[in-house]
N, C-alpha and C. Protein backbone atom coordinates (compact mmCIF):
# COMPACT_ATOMS: atom_id res chain seq x y z
N MET A 1 173.56 212.93 116.21
CA MET A 1 172.52 211.97 115.92
C MET A 1 171.72 211.73 117.19
N LYS A 2 170.40 211.65 117.02
CA LYS A 2 169.57 211.30 118.16
C LYS A 2 168.61 210.19 117.77
N GLN A 3 168.16 209.45 118.78
CA GLN A 3 167.22 208.37 118.54
C GLN A 3 165.81 208.88 118.79
N ASN A 4 164.94 208.69 117.79
CA ASN A 4 163.55 209.15 117.89
C ASN A 4 162.59 208.05 118.25
N GLY A 5 163.08 206.85 118.42
CA GLY A 5 162.20 205.74 118.75
C GLY A 5 162.76 204.45 118.20
N GLU A 6 162.01 203.40 118.43
CA GLU A 6 162.39 202.09 117.91
C GLU A 6 161.16 201.24 117.71
N GLN A 7 161.28 200.28 116.82
CA GLN A 7 160.22 199.32 116.56
C GLN A 7 160.82 197.94 116.76
N ARG A 8 160.20 197.16 117.67
CA ARG A 8 160.76 195.84 118.01
C ARG A 8 159.80 194.74 117.56
N ALA A 9 160.34 193.76 116.86
CA ALA A 9 159.58 192.60 116.41
C ALA A 9 159.61 191.52 117.49
N PRO A 10 158.70 190.55 117.43
CA PRO A 10 158.68 189.48 118.44
C PRO A 10 160.00 188.71 118.56
N ASP A 11 160.77 188.60 117.47
CA ASP A 11 162.04 187.86 117.53
C ASP A 11 163.19 188.70 118.09
N GLY A 12 162.90 189.95 118.49
CA GLY A 12 163.92 190.81 119.06
C GLY A 12 164.58 191.76 118.07
N THR A 13 164.32 191.54 116.77
CA THR A 13 164.86 192.46 115.78
C THR A 13 164.31 193.85 116.06
N THR A 14 165.20 194.83 116.10
CA THR A 14 164.80 196.19 116.46
C THR A 14 165.26 197.18 115.41
N LYS A 15 164.31 197.98 114.92
CA LYS A 15 164.65 199.07 114.00
C LYS A 15 164.73 200.35 114.81
N PHE A 16 165.90 200.98 114.79
CA PHE A 16 166.10 202.26 115.47
C PHE A 16 165.77 203.39 114.50
N LEU A 17 164.92 204.30 114.94
CA LEU A 17 164.57 205.47 114.15
C LEU A 17 165.47 206.60 114.61
N LEU A 18 166.38 207.00 113.74
CA LEU A 18 167.43 207.95 114.09
C LEU A 18 167.24 209.26 113.33
N GLU A 19 167.90 210.29 113.82
CA GLU A 19 167.78 211.60 113.18
C GLU A 19 169.12 212.31 113.21
N GLY A 20 169.51 212.85 112.07
CA GLY A 20 170.74 213.63 111.99
C GLY A 20 170.54 215.01 112.59
N SER A 21 171.62 215.76 112.73
CA SER A 21 171.54 217.10 113.32
C SER A 21 170.70 218.05 112.48
N ASP A 22 170.46 217.69 111.21
CA ASP A 22 169.63 218.51 110.33
C ASP A 22 168.15 218.13 110.39
N GLY A 23 167.80 217.16 111.26
CA GLY A 23 166.41 216.76 111.44
C GLY A 23 165.91 215.72 110.47
N VAL A 24 166.76 215.22 109.59
CA VAL A 24 166.35 214.22 108.60
C VAL A 24 166.54 212.83 109.19
N GLY A 25 165.53 211.96 109.02
CA GLY A 25 165.54 210.64 109.64
C GLY A 25 166.17 209.55 108.80
N PHE A 26 166.70 208.54 109.51
CA PHE A 26 167.24 207.35 108.87
C PHE A 26 167.14 206.19 109.86
N GLU A 27 167.54 205.00 109.45
CA GLU A 27 167.33 203.80 110.26
C GLU A 27 168.58 202.95 110.40
N ALA A 28 168.63 202.23 111.52
CA ALA A 28 169.60 201.15 111.74
C ALA A 28 168.82 199.99 112.34
N VAL A 29 169.24 198.78 112.04
CA VAL A 29 168.51 197.60 112.53
C VAL A 29 169.46 196.69 113.31
N PHE A 30 168.97 196.21 114.46
CA PHE A 30 169.69 195.28 115.32
C PHE A 30 168.99 193.93 115.22
N MET A 31 169.76 192.87 114.91
CA MET A 31 169.20 191.53 114.77
C MET A 31 169.91 190.57 115.72
N PRO A 32 169.24 190.18 116.82
CA PRO A 32 169.87 189.27 117.77
C PRO A 32 169.65 187.80 117.38
N TYR A 33 170.63 187.00 117.69
CA TYR A 33 170.55 185.55 117.52
C TYR A 33 170.98 184.93 118.85
N LYS A 34 171.05 183.62 118.95
CA LYS A 34 171.35 182.97 120.23
C LYS A 34 172.64 183.43 120.87
N SER A 35 173.71 183.46 120.12
CA SER A 35 175.01 183.80 120.72
C SER A 35 175.73 184.92 119.99
N ARG A 36 175.01 185.63 119.15
CA ARG A 36 175.65 186.69 118.37
C ARG A 36 174.60 187.72 117.97
N ALA A 37 175.05 188.79 117.35
CA ALA A 37 174.13 189.82 116.88
C ALA A 37 174.69 190.48 115.62
N THR A 38 173.79 190.92 114.77
CA THR A 38 174.16 191.59 113.53
C THR A 38 173.50 192.96 113.50
N ALA A 39 174.20 193.94 112.96
CA ALA A 39 173.63 195.27 112.74
C ALA A 39 173.56 195.52 111.24
N CYS A 40 172.46 196.08 110.81
CA CYS A 40 172.26 196.51 109.43
C CYS A 40 172.18 198.03 109.47
N ILE A 41 173.15 198.69 108.85
CA ILE A 41 173.24 200.14 108.98
C ILE A 41 173.08 200.84 107.63
N SER A 42 172.70 202.11 107.72
CA SER A 42 172.47 202.94 106.55
C SER A 42 173.72 203.74 106.20
N SER A 43 173.85 204.05 104.91
CA SER A 43 174.96 204.88 104.44
C SER A 43 174.49 206.19 103.83
N GLN A 44 173.20 206.26 103.53
CA GLN A 44 172.61 207.47 102.96
C GLN A 44 171.21 207.63 103.56
N ILE A 45 170.68 208.83 103.47
CA ILE A 45 169.28 209.05 103.80
C ILE A 45 168.56 209.08 102.46
N GLY A 46 167.75 208.04 102.25
CA GLY A 46 167.16 207.84 100.94
C GLY A 46 168.16 207.15 100.03
N CYS A 47 167.86 207.12 98.75
CA CYS A 47 168.76 206.47 97.80
C CYS A 47 168.45 206.96 96.38
N PRO A 48 169.50 207.22 95.59
CA PRO A 48 169.28 207.69 94.23
C PRO A 48 169.06 206.58 93.20
N VAL A 49 169.25 205.32 93.60
CA VAL A 49 169.27 204.23 92.62
C VAL A 49 167.87 203.82 92.17
N GLY A 50 166.93 203.71 93.10
CA GLY A 50 165.55 203.36 92.74
C GLY A 50 165.32 201.91 92.38
N CYS A 51 165.98 200.99 93.05
CA CYS A 51 165.78 199.56 92.79
C CYS A 51 164.33 199.17 93.06
N THR A 52 163.78 198.31 92.21
CA THR A 52 162.38 197.91 92.37
C THR A 52 162.16 197.05 93.61
N PHE A 53 163.20 196.40 94.12
CA PHE A 53 163.06 195.54 95.30
C PHE A 53 163.21 196.29 96.61
N CYS A 54 163.40 197.60 96.57
CA CYS A 54 163.71 198.36 97.79
C CYS A 54 162.82 199.60 97.89
N ALA A 55 162.19 199.78 99.05
CA ALA A 55 161.31 200.94 99.27
C ALA A 55 162.08 202.24 99.44
N THR A 56 163.33 202.18 99.85
CA THR A 56 164.10 203.40 100.13
C THR A 56 164.25 204.27 98.88
N GLY A 57 164.39 203.67 97.73
CA GLY A 57 164.58 204.43 96.50
C GLY A 57 163.41 205.33 96.16
N ALA A 58 162.21 204.98 96.64
CA ALA A 58 161.03 205.78 96.35
C ALA A 58 161.12 207.18 96.97
N MET A 59 161.93 207.32 98.01
CA MET A 59 162.05 208.63 98.65
C MET A 59 163.12 209.50 98.01
N GLY A 60 163.89 208.93 97.08
CA GLY A 60 164.98 209.69 96.47
C GLY A 60 166.11 209.88 97.47
N LEU A 61 167.17 210.50 97.02
CA LEU A 61 168.31 210.74 97.90
C LEU A 61 168.12 212.07 98.62
N LYS A 62 168.14 212.02 99.94
CA LYS A 62 168.10 213.25 100.75
C LYS A 62 169.51 213.77 100.95
N ARG A 63 170.40 212.86 101.43
CA ARG A 63 171.81 213.23 101.59
C ARG A 63 172.62 212.00 101.99
N ASN A 64 173.94 212.13 101.88
CA ASN A 64 174.85 211.11 102.37
C ASN A 64 175.00 211.24 103.88
N LEU A 65 175.20 210.12 104.54
CA LEU A 65 175.53 210.15 105.96
C LEU A 65 177.04 210.36 106.11
N SER A 66 177.43 211.00 107.17
CA SER A 66 178.85 211.19 107.47
C SER A 66 179.40 209.91 108.10
N ALA A 67 180.71 209.79 108.12
CA ALA A 67 181.33 208.64 108.78
C ALA A 67 180.91 208.60 110.25
N ALA A 68 180.84 209.75 110.90
CA ALA A 68 180.44 209.79 112.32
C ALA A 68 179.02 209.28 112.50
N GLU A 69 178.11 209.65 111.60
CA GLU A 69 176.73 209.16 111.71
C GLU A 69 176.65 207.66 111.48
N ILE A 70 177.48 207.14 110.61
CA ILE A 70 177.51 205.70 110.38
C ILE A 70 178.06 204.98 111.61
N VAL A 71 179.15 205.48 112.17
CA VAL A 71 179.74 204.88 113.37
C VAL A 71 178.75 204.94 114.53
N ASP A 72 178.02 206.04 114.67
CA ASP A 72 177.03 206.17 115.74
C ASP A 72 175.95 205.10 115.64
N GLN A 73 175.58 204.70 114.43
CA GLN A 73 174.61 203.62 114.27
C GLN A 73 175.15 202.32 114.86
N VAL A 74 176.43 202.07 114.61
CA VAL A 74 177.05 200.85 115.12
C VAL A 74 177.10 200.90 116.64
N ARG A 75 177.47 202.04 117.21
CA ARG A 75 177.49 202.19 118.67
C ARG A 75 176.10 201.94 119.26
N THR A 76 175.08 202.47 118.62
CA THR A 76 173.70 202.27 119.10
C THR A 76 173.37 200.79 119.15
N THR A 77 173.74 200.05 118.11
CA THR A 77 173.44 198.62 118.09
C THR A 77 174.35 197.84 119.03
N GLN A 78 175.59 198.29 119.23
CA GLN A 78 176.47 197.63 120.21
C GLN A 78 175.91 197.75 121.62
N VAL A 79 175.38 198.91 121.94
CA VAL A 79 174.78 199.12 123.27
C VAL A 79 173.60 198.17 123.45
N ARG A 80 172.74 198.04 122.44
CA ARG A 80 171.61 197.13 122.55
C ARG A 80 172.08 195.69 122.70
N ALA A 81 173.10 195.31 121.95
CA ALA A 81 173.64 193.95 122.07
C ALA A 81 174.11 193.70 123.50
N ALA A 82 174.84 194.62 124.07
CA ALA A 82 175.34 194.47 125.44
C ALA A 82 174.19 194.38 126.43
N GLU A 83 173.14 195.16 126.23
CA GLU A 83 171.97 195.11 127.11
C GLU A 83 171.32 193.73 127.09
N GLU A 84 171.45 193.03 125.97
CA GLU A 84 170.85 191.71 125.83
C GLU A 84 171.86 190.59 126.06
N GLY A 85 173.03 190.94 126.58
CA GLY A 85 174.04 189.93 126.89
C GLY A 85 174.71 189.35 125.67
N LEU A 86 174.71 190.10 124.58
CA LEU A 86 175.31 189.64 123.33
C LEU A 86 176.44 190.57 122.93
N ARG A 87 177.19 190.14 121.95
CA ARG A 87 178.23 190.96 121.35
C ARG A 87 177.87 191.15 119.88
N LEU A 88 178.04 192.36 119.39
CA LEU A 88 177.80 192.62 117.98
C LEU A 88 178.92 191.94 117.19
N THR A 89 178.57 190.91 116.42
CA THR A 89 179.58 190.11 115.73
C THR A 89 179.62 190.35 114.23
N ASN A 90 178.55 190.89 113.67
CA ASN A 90 178.49 191.10 112.23
C ASN A 90 177.88 192.46 111.93
N LEU A 91 178.38 193.06 110.87
CA LEU A 91 177.90 194.37 110.46
C LEU A 91 177.68 194.35 108.95
N VAL A 92 176.50 194.77 108.53
CA VAL A 92 176.21 194.84 107.10
C VAL A 92 175.76 196.26 106.73
N TYR A 93 176.39 196.81 105.72
CA TYR A 93 175.98 198.09 105.15
C TYR A 93 174.89 197.74 104.14
N MET A 94 173.68 197.58 104.64
CA MET A 94 172.57 197.11 103.82
C MET A 94 171.27 197.82 104.20
N GLY A 95 171.41 198.94 104.91
CA GLY A 95 170.23 199.71 105.29
C GLY A 95 169.88 200.68 104.17
N MET A 96 169.50 201.88 104.53
CA MET A 96 169.13 202.88 103.54
C MET A 96 170.36 203.31 102.74
N GLY A 97 170.19 203.42 101.42
CA GLY A 97 171.25 203.96 100.58
C GLY A 97 172.12 202.93 99.90
N GLU A 98 172.86 203.41 98.93
CA GLU A 98 173.85 202.61 98.19
C GLU A 98 175.22 202.97 98.72
N PRO A 99 175.84 202.08 99.51
CA PRO A 99 177.12 202.40 100.15
C PRO A 99 178.22 202.85 99.19
N LEU A 100 178.26 202.30 97.99
CA LEU A 100 179.35 202.65 97.08
C LEU A 100 179.16 204.02 96.44
N LEU A 101 178.02 204.66 96.67
CA LEU A 101 177.82 206.03 96.22
C LEU A 101 178.11 207.03 97.34
N ASN A 102 178.57 206.52 98.47
CA ASN A 102 179.04 207.34 99.60
C ASN A 102 180.32 206.70 100.13
N LEU A 103 181.18 206.32 99.21
CA LEU A 103 182.32 205.46 99.53
C LEU A 103 183.30 206.08 100.52
N ARG A 104 183.57 207.35 100.41
CA ARG A 104 184.55 207.97 101.33
C ARG A 104 184.09 207.83 102.78
N ALA A 105 182.84 208.19 103.07
CA ALA A 105 182.33 208.08 104.44
C ALA A 105 182.22 206.63 104.88
N VAL A 106 181.82 205.76 103.96
CA VAL A 106 181.73 204.33 104.29
C VAL A 106 183.11 203.78 104.65
N LEU A 107 184.12 204.06 103.84
CA LEU A 107 185.46 203.55 104.13
C LEU A 107 186.04 204.17 105.40
N ASP A 108 185.80 205.46 105.61
CA ASP A 108 186.26 206.09 106.86
C ASP A 108 185.60 205.42 108.06
N SER A 109 184.30 205.13 107.94
CA SER A 109 183.61 204.47 109.06
C SER A 109 184.13 203.06 109.27
N VAL A 110 184.42 202.33 108.20
CA VAL A 110 184.97 200.97 108.34
C VAL A 110 186.30 201.02 109.09
N ARG A 111 187.13 201.99 108.78
CA ARG A 111 188.43 202.11 109.46
C ARG A 111 188.24 202.35 110.96
N ILE A 112 187.30 203.21 111.31
CA ILE A 112 187.04 203.49 112.73
C ILE A 112 186.44 202.27 113.42
N ILE A 113 185.48 201.64 112.77
CA ILE A 113 184.78 200.49 113.35
C ILE A 113 185.73 199.32 113.55
N SER A 114 186.68 199.12 112.63
CA SER A 114 187.58 197.97 112.72
C SER A 114 188.88 198.26 113.46
N ASP A 115 189.15 199.49 113.78
CA ASP A 115 190.38 199.85 114.48
C ASP A 115 190.30 199.38 115.94
N PRO A 116 191.36 198.75 116.46
CA PRO A 116 191.35 198.32 117.87
C PRO A 116 191.13 199.47 118.84
N HIS A 117 191.52 200.69 118.44
CA HIS A 117 191.31 201.86 119.29
C HIS A 117 189.97 202.54 118.98
N GLY A 118 189.26 202.03 117.99
CA GLY A 118 187.92 202.52 117.66
C GLY A 118 186.91 201.58 118.28
N LEU A 119 186.08 200.93 117.44
CA LEU A 119 185.09 200.00 117.96
C LEU A 119 185.60 198.56 118.01
N GLY A 120 186.72 198.30 117.37
CA GLY A 120 187.39 197.00 117.51
C GLY A 120 186.71 195.81 116.87
N MET A 121 185.84 196.03 115.88
CA MET A 121 185.23 194.88 115.20
C MET A 121 186.21 194.33 114.16
N ALA A 122 186.20 193.03 113.99
CA ALA A 122 187.05 192.41 112.96
C ALA A 122 186.57 192.85 111.58
N HIS A 123 187.51 193.27 110.74
CA HIS A 123 187.12 193.76 109.41
C HIS A 123 186.46 192.68 108.58
N ARG A 124 186.78 191.42 108.83
CA ARG A 124 186.17 190.32 108.08
C ARG A 124 184.73 190.05 108.52
N SER A 125 184.27 190.71 109.58
CA SER A 125 182.88 190.57 110.01
C SER A 125 182.00 191.68 109.44
N ILE A 126 182.59 192.50 108.57
CA ILE A 126 181.90 193.64 107.97
C ILE A 126 181.62 193.34 106.49
N SER A 127 180.37 193.53 106.08
CA SER A 127 179.98 193.32 104.68
C SER A 127 179.33 194.58 104.12
N ILE A 128 179.67 194.89 102.89
CA ILE A 128 179.08 196.02 102.19
C ILE A 128 178.25 195.45 101.04
N SER A 129 176.96 195.79 101.04
CA SER A 129 176.05 195.30 100.01
C SER A 129 175.82 196.40 98.98
N THR A 130 175.89 196.03 97.72
CA THR A 130 175.73 196.99 96.63
C THR A 130 174.89 196.39 95.51
N VAL A 131 174.29 197.27 94.72
CA VAL A 131 173.60 196.81 93.53
C VAL A 131 174.58 196.65 92.38
N GLY A 132 175.82 197.05 92.58
CA GLY A 132 176.86 196.84 91.58
C GLY A 132 177.30 198.11 90.89
N ILE A 133 177.97 198.98 91.62
CA ILE A 133 178.52 200.21 91.06
C ILE A 133 179.98 199.89 90.70
N PRO A 134 180.29 199.69 89.40
CA PRO A 134 181.63 199.20 89.02
C PRO A 134 182.79 200.00 89.59
N ALA A 135 182.76 201.32 89.48
CA ALA A 135 183.87 202.12 89.99
C ALA A 135 184.00 201.97 91.50
N GLY A 136 182.88 201.87 92.19
CA GLY A 136 182.90 201.67 93.64
C GLY A 136 183.45 200.31 94.03
N ILE A 137 183.10 199.29 93.27
CA ILE A 137 183.62 197.94 93.54
C ILE A 137 185.13 197.92 93.36
N ARG A 138 185.62 198.56 92.31
CA ARG A 138 187.07 198.61 92.09
C ARG A 138 187.77 199.37 93.22
N ALA A 139 187.20 200.48 93.63
CA ALA A 139 187.80 201.27 94.72
C ALA A 139 187.77 200.48 96.03
N LEU A 140 186.68 199.79 96.28
CA LEU A 140 186.57 198.97 97.49
C LEU A 140 187.63 197.86 97.49
N ALA A 141 187.87 197.26 96.33
CA ALA A 141 188.86 196.19 96.22
C ALA A 141 190.27 196.69 96.53
N ARG A 142 190.54 197.96 96.26
CA ARG A 142 191.86 198.54 96.53
C ARG A 142 191.99 199.09 97.95
N SER A 143 190.90 199.14 98.67
CA SER A 143 190.91 199.81 99.99
C SER A 143 191.35 198.87 101.11
N GLU A 144 191.78 199.47 102.18
CA GLU A 144 192.12 198.75 103.41
C GLU A 144 191.31 199.35 104.54
N PRO A 145 190.86 198.55 105.47
CA PRO A 145 190.97 197.09 105.51
C PRO A 145 189.99 196.43 104.54
N GLN A 146 190.30 195.22 104.15
CA GLN A 146 189.44 194.46 103.26
C GLN A 146 188.19 194.01 104.01
N VAL A 147 187.04 194.18 103.36
CA VAL A 147 185.76 193.75 103.93
C VAL A 147 185.07 192.87 102.90
N ASN A 148 183.96 192.27 103.29
CA ASN A 148 183.19 191.42 102.40
C ASN A 148 182.32 192.26 101.49
N LEU A 149 182.10 191.78 100.28
CA LEU A 149 181.24 192.45 99.31
C LEU A 149 180.06 191.54 99.01
N ALA A 150 178.86 192.09 99.05
CA ALA A 150 177.65 191.36 98.68
C ALA A 150 176.95 192.11 97.56
N LEU A 151 176.51 191.39 96.55
CA LEU A 151 175.78 192.00 95.44
C LEU A 151 174.30 191.71 95.59
N SER A 152 173.49 192.76 95.52
CA SER A 152 172.03 192.59 95.65
C SER A 152 171.41 192.42 94.29
């Protein structure tokens, strides 16, 4: 994964423009607050669902992101948090894509991100947002570590 640029808003929110080894682009967003920071990360490039409230669906699904590409997004935002004297305290799978349609890579990335020998984030600070894929919700409920579920 490489970074192709970033777009920064006046409040410090930063969208990182990233690229996979195949040259296809995706995004991660860093949102700083007074004493904490949140990252919004992508699970797919594009999305097959086509929700009317989301622009990503208009591009269709290009491909799923790997667990490594998902973890790299978190590392990118952790570095930015440290540069700003903050700690990344919250993580939301709410960027490009439907996380429950790439569940294996999402769960593998959650395990790495929450492992003390990985990125060491508390699993309870991780949320996965979905439009409501029933089989994915059931699988997520059976998975470890337990994370938060948000319905869009």
